[in-house]
Amino acid sequence: MHAIQPESVKEKAEASHARSTTENVNEAVQAISHFNLEIEVCGQWVWVYGDTKPYREALKGAGFRWSPKKMCWYFRSEAYRSRRHPLWSREEIQEKYGSAIVKEKT
């Protein structure tokens, strides 16, 4: 008979990290969901499209950053910072991580 092993410290840390990252993404989406913008979640990143200029300061205040190459705003948890990764197109990111439009511009 084998004893059931408790989760390893690493597994517990990874589960906690995933919960906190998901909470960060959810909070970021909720902070801007009332704006008339398209909001897309791609993996652990949030992308915002549309006429964002009127919301610029609010987006910055909610932790979003401007991506000049993709011409849109994005949010990511600090844990998901890119490190020496080649620049991917929006389509490549969507293909690798999947995506969901959580709010469409009206």
Protein backbone atom coordinates (compact mmCIF):
# COMPACT_ATOMS: atom_id res chain seq x y z
CA MET A 1 0.00 0.00 0.00
CA HIS A 2 1.38 3.39 -1.00
CA ALA A 3 0.87 6.45 1.13
CA ILE A 4 -0.61 9.42 -0.66
CA GLN A 5 2.08 12.04 -0.94
CA PRO A 6 1.15 15.64 -0.26
CA GLU A 7 1.74 18.13 -3.01
CA SER A 8 5.35 19.07 -3.35
CA VAL A 9 6.43 22.55 -2.40
CA LYS A 10 7.09 23.28 -6.08
CA GLU A 11 3.58 22.14 -7.10
CA LYS A 12 2.01 24.28 -4.37
CA ALA A 13 4.05 27.31 -5.44
CA GLU A 14 3.09 26.78 -9.10
CA ALA A 15 -0.61 26.46 -8.22
CA SER A 16 -0.46 29.61 -6.09
CA HIS A 17 1.36 31.47 -8.87
CA ALA A 18 -1.26 30.41 -11.44
CA ARG A 19 -4.10 31.59 -9.17
CA SER A 20 -2.48 34.97 -8.52
CA THR A 21 -1.70 35.49 -12.22
CA THR A 22 -5.28 34.64 -13.18
CA GLU A 23 -6.54 37.01 -10.50
CA ASN A 24 -4.30 39.77 -11.92
CA VAL A 25 -5.69 39.20 -15.42
CA ASN A 26 -9.28 39.20 -14.13
CA GLU A 27 -8.69 42.43 -12.19
CA ALA A 28 -7.14 44.10 -15.25
CA VAL A 29 -10.12 43.14 -17.42
CA GLN A 30 -12.62 44.31 -14.80
CA ALA A 31 -10.83 47.66 -14.44
CA ILE A 32 -11.46 48.54 -18.09
CA SER A 33 -14.51 46.47 -19.03
CA HIS A 34 -16.80 49.53 -18.96
CA PHE A 35 -14.81 51.25 -21.75
CA ASN A 36 -16.03 51.01 -25.34
CA LEU A 37 -13.03 48.91 -26.42
CA GLU A 38 -12.36 45.37 -27.61
CA ILE A 39 -10.70 43.26 -24.92
CA GLU A 40 -8.98 39.99 -25.78
CA VAL A 41 -7.33 37.53 -23.39
CA CYS A 42 -4.47 35.57 -24.95
CA GLY A 43 -2.91 33.17 -22.48
CA GLN A 44 -1.99 35.31 -19.48
CA TRP A 45 -1.96 38.54 -21.48
CA VAL A 46 -4.79 41.02 -22.08
CA TRP A 47 -4.85 42.97 -25.36
CA VAL A 48 -7.00 46.07 -25.89
CA TYR A 49 -8.00 47.42 -29.31
CA GLY A 50 -10.06 50.28 -30.62
CA ASP A 51 -10.03 54.05 -30.13
CA THR A 52 -8.01 53.93 -26.92
CA LYS A 53 -6.80 57.53 -26.87
CA PRO A 54 -9.65 58.81 -24.62
CA TYR A 55 -8.82 56.03 -22.13
CA ARG A 56 -5.03 56.36 -22.22
CA GLU A 57 -4.52 57.53 -18.64
CA ALA A 58 -7.03 55.04 -17.23
CA LEU A 59 -5.32 52.18 -19.10
CA LYS A 60 -1.93 53.25 -17.74
CA GLY A 61 -3.40 53.51 -14.26
CA ALA A 62 -4.76 49.96 -14.55
CA GLY A 63 -1.29 48.62 -15.40
CA PHE A 64 -1.62 48.42 -19.19
CA ARG A 65 1.25 49.35 -21.50
CA TRP A 66 1.27 50.57 -25.09
CA SER A 67 2.73 48.27 -27.75
CA PRO A 68 3.83 50.52 -30.62
CA LYS A 69 4.57 47.59 -32.93
CA LYS A 70 1.11 46.03 -32.45
CA MET A 71 -0.61 49.42 -32.09
CA CYS A 72 -2.63 48.36 -29.05
CA TRP A 73 -2.48 48.22 -25.26
CA TYR A 74 -1.55 45.11 -23.31
CA PHE A 75 -1.44 43.86 -19.74
CA ARG A 76 0.63 41.01 -18.43
CA SER A 77 1.56 39.84 -14.99
CA GLU A 78 5.17 40.53 -14.06
CA ALA A 79 5.68 36.76 -13.96
CA TYR A 80 5.06 36.63 -17.70
CA ARG A 81 7.65 39.15 -18.80
CA SER A 82 9.28 38.25 -22.09
CA ARG A 83 12.93 37.48 -21.88
CA ARG A 84 14.83 37.52 -25.15
CA HIS A 85 11.88 36.24 -27.06
CA PRO A 86 11.49 37.10 -30.73
CA LEU A 87 8.73 39.50 -31.63
CA TRP A 88 5.61 37.52 -32.48
CA SER A 89 2.69 38.71 -34.54
CA ARG A 90 -0.77 38.86 -32.99
CA GLU A 91 -1.73 35.77 -35.00
CA GLU A 92 1.28 33.77 -33.76
CA ILE A 93 0.44 34.63 -30.15
CA GLN A 94 -3.21 33.64 -30.65
CA GLU A 95 -2.20 30.37 -32.27
CA LYS A 96 0.24 29.40 -29.52
CA TYR A 97 -1.81 30.43 -26.47
CA GLY A 98 -5.37 30.58 -27.74
CA SER A 99 -7.49 33.66 -27.29
CA ALA A 100 -10.91 34.78 -26.22
CA ILE A 101 -12.65 38.06 -26.91
CA VAL A 102 -14.08 38.95 -23.51
CA LYS A 103 -15.66 42.20 -24.67
CA GLU A 104 -16.38 43.53 -28.12
CA LYS A 105 -16.49 47.19 -28.97
CA THR A 106 -20.07 48.40 -29.34
